[in-house]
Amino acid sequence: LQVHDELVFESPVEEVELAINIIKMEMENAIETQVPLLVEVGVGDNWLEAH
């Protein structure tokens, strides 16, 4: 089973790596499951570039 959803975050350029780490950690560990939750992150100036 795959669930696809997208969230868009905005961050100052100098804080992108920190934001990525925080977002991935919080989303992947939001709930304890038997199957790991995996989060993919894309970065760009717009939605198209982030994919």
N, C-alpha and C. Protein backbone atom coordinates (compact mmCIF):
# COMPACT_ATOMS: atom_id res chain seq x y z
N LEU A 1 0.85 -1.18 0.00
CA LEU A 1 0.00 0.00 0.00
C LEU A 1 0.89 1.23 0.00
N GLN A 2 0.60 2.16 -0.86
CA GLN A 2 1.35 3.41 -0.90
C GLN A 2 0.36 4.56 -0.78
N VAL A 3 0.67 5.49 0.08
CA VAL A 3 -0.13 6.69 0.23
C VAL A 3 0.71 7.86 -0.25
N HIS A 4 0.17 8.62 -1.16
CA HIS A 4 0.91 9.76 -1.70
C HIS A 4 0.22 11.03 -1.26
N ASP A 5 0.97 11.89 -0.67
CA ASP A 5 0.46 13.18 -0.24
C ASP A 5 1.60 14.16 -0.32
N GLU A 6 1.31 15.40 -0.44
CA GLU A 6 2.37 16.40 -0.53
C GLU A 6 2.10 17.54 0.43
N LEU A 7 3.16 18.03 1.02
CA LEU A 7 3.13 19.22 1.86
C LEU A 7 4.15 20.18 1.29
N VAL A 8 3.86 21.46 1.35
CA VAL A 8 4.79 22.48 0.87
C VAL A 8 5.21 23.33 2.06
N PHE A 9 6.52 23.44 2.24
CA PHE A 9 7.08 24.26 3.31
C PHE A 9 7.93 25.35 2.67
N GLU A 10 7.96 26.49 3.29
CA GLU A 10 8.85 27.56 2.85
C GLU A 10 9.87 27.80 3.95
N SER A 11 11.11 28.07 3.53
CA SER A 11 12.19 28.26 4.48
C SER A 11 13.22 29.20 3.88
N PRO A 12 13.87 30.00 4.71
CA PRO A 12 15.00 30.78 4.19
C PRO A 12 16.06 29.82 3.64
N VAL A 13 16.72 30.20 2.57
CA VAL A 13 17.70 29.34 1.90
C VAL A 13 18.74 28.80 2.88
N GLU A 14 19.20 29.64 3.79
CA GLU A 14 20.25 29.23 4.71
C GLU A 14 19.76 28.22 5.76
N GLU A 15 18.46 27.99 5.85
CA GLU A 15 17.91 27.06 6.84
C GLU A 15 17.29 25.81 6.20
N VAL A 16 17.48 25.62 4.89
CA VAL A 16 16.83 24.50 4.20
C VAL A 16 17.27 23.16 4.76
N GLU A 17 18.55 22.94 4.93
CA GLU A 17 19.02 21.64 5.43
C GLU A 17 18.49 21.35 6.82
N LEU A 18 18.48 22.34 7.68
CA LEU A 18 17.92 22.16 9.02
C LEU A 18 16.44 21.83 8.94
N ALA A 19 15.71 22.55 8.10
CA ALA A 19 14.27 22.30 7.94
C ALA A 19 14.02 20.89 7.43
N ILE A 20 14.80 20.44 6.45
CA ILE A 20 14.65 19.08 5.92
C ILE A 20 14.82 18.05 7.03
N ASN A 21 15.87 18.20 7.81
CA ASN A 21 16.12 17.25 8.90
C ASN A 21 14.99 17.21 9.91
N ILE A 22 14.49 18.37 10.29
CA ILE A 22 13.40 18.44 11.27
C ILE A 22 12.13 17.84 10.69
N ILE A 23 11.78 18.21 9.48
CA ILE A 23 10.54 17.73 8.85
C ILE A 23 10.57 16.21 8.71
N LYS A 24 11.67 15.66 8.18
CA LYS A 24 11.77 14.21 8.00
C LYS A 24 11.67 13.48 9.34
N MET A 25 12.41 13.95 10.34
CA MET A 25 12.40 13.30 11.64
C MET A 25 11.01 13.31 12.25
N GLU A 26 10.36 14.45 12.24
CA GLU A 26 9.04 14.57 12.87
C GLU A 26 7.99 13.75 12.12
N MET A 27 8.03 13.77 10.80
CA MET A 27 7.02 13.05 10.04
C MET A 27 7.24 11.53 10.09
N GLU A 28 8.47 11.09 10.02
CA GLU A 28 8.75 9.66 10.04
C GLU A 28 8.54 9.05 11.43
N ASN A 29 8.57 9.86 12.45
CA ASN A 29 8.41 9.37 13.82
C ASN A 29 7.14 9.88 14.49
N ALA A 30 6.18 10.32 13.70
CA ALA A 30 4.95 10.89 14.25
C ALA A 30 4.12 9.86 14.99
N ILE A 31 4.22 8.61 14.55
CA ILE A 31 3.45 7.53 15.17
C ILE A 31 4.25 6.25 15.04
N GLU A 32 4.12 5.39 16.04
CA GLU A 32 4.83 4.12 16.00
C GLU A 32 4.02 3.12 15.16
N THR A 33 4.65 2.57 14.14
CA THR A 33 4.00 1.59 13.27
C THR A 33 4.91 0.39 13.07
N GLN A 34 4.33 -0.72 12.61
CA GLN A 34 5.12 -1.89 12.30
C GLN A 34 5.86 -1.73 10.98
N VAL A 35 5.32 -0.90 10.11
CA VAL A 35 5.94 -0.62 8.82
C VAL A 35 6.50 0.80 8.89
N PRO A 36 7.76 1.00 8.53
CA PRO A 36 8.33 2.34 8.64
C PRO A 36 7.65 3.34 7.71
N LEU A 37 7.48 4.55 8.20
CA LEU A 37 6.99 5.65 7.38
C LEU A 37 8.20 6.30 6.73
N LEU A 38 8.17 6.46 5.43
CA LEU A 38 9.29 7.06 4.71
C LEU A 38 8.86 8.39 4.12
N VAL A 39 9.71 9.37 4.26
CA VAL A 39 9.44 10.72 3.77
C VAL A 39 10.50 11.08 2.74
N GLU A 40 10.06 11.53 1.58
CA GLU A 40 10.97 12.02 0.55
C GLU A 40 10.86 13.54 0.50
N VAL A 41 11.97 14.21 0.33
CA VAL A 41 12.00 15.68 0.32
C VAL A 41 12.59 16.15 -0.99
N GLY A 42 11.94 17.12 -1.60
CA GLY A 42 12.47 17.78 -2.79
C GLY A 42 12.59 19.26 -2.49
N VAL A 43 13.58 19.89 -3.07
CA VAL A 43 13.82 21.32 -2.82
C VAL A 43 13.89 22.05 -4.15
N GLY A 44 13.25 23.19 -4.22
CA GLY A 44 13.31 24.00 -5.44
C GLY A 44 12.66 25.35 -5.22
N ASP A 45 12.81 26.21 -6.20
CA ASP A 45 12.21 27.54 -6.11
C ASP A 45 10.71 27.51 -6.34
N ASN A 46 10.21 26.38 -6.91
CA ASN A 46 8.78 26.22 -7.11
C ASN A 46 8.45 24.73 -7.05
N TRP A 47 7.16 24.40 -7.13
CA TRP A 47 6.71 23.02 -6.99
C TRP A 47 7.34 22.13 -8.06
N LEU A 48 7.41 22.59 -9.29
CA LEU A 48 7.96 21.80 -10.38
C LEU A 48 9.44 21.48 -10.15
N GLU A 49 10.21 22.45 -9.72
CA GLU A 49 11.64 22.23 -9.47
C GLU A 49 11.88 21.26 -8.30
N ALA A 50 10.95 21.22 -7.38
CA ALA A 50 11.14 20.36 -6.21
C ALA A 50 10.89 18.89 -6.52
N HIS A 51 10.41 18.60 -7.71
CA HIS A 51 10.13 17.21 -8.08
C HIS A 51 11.22 16.70 -8.94
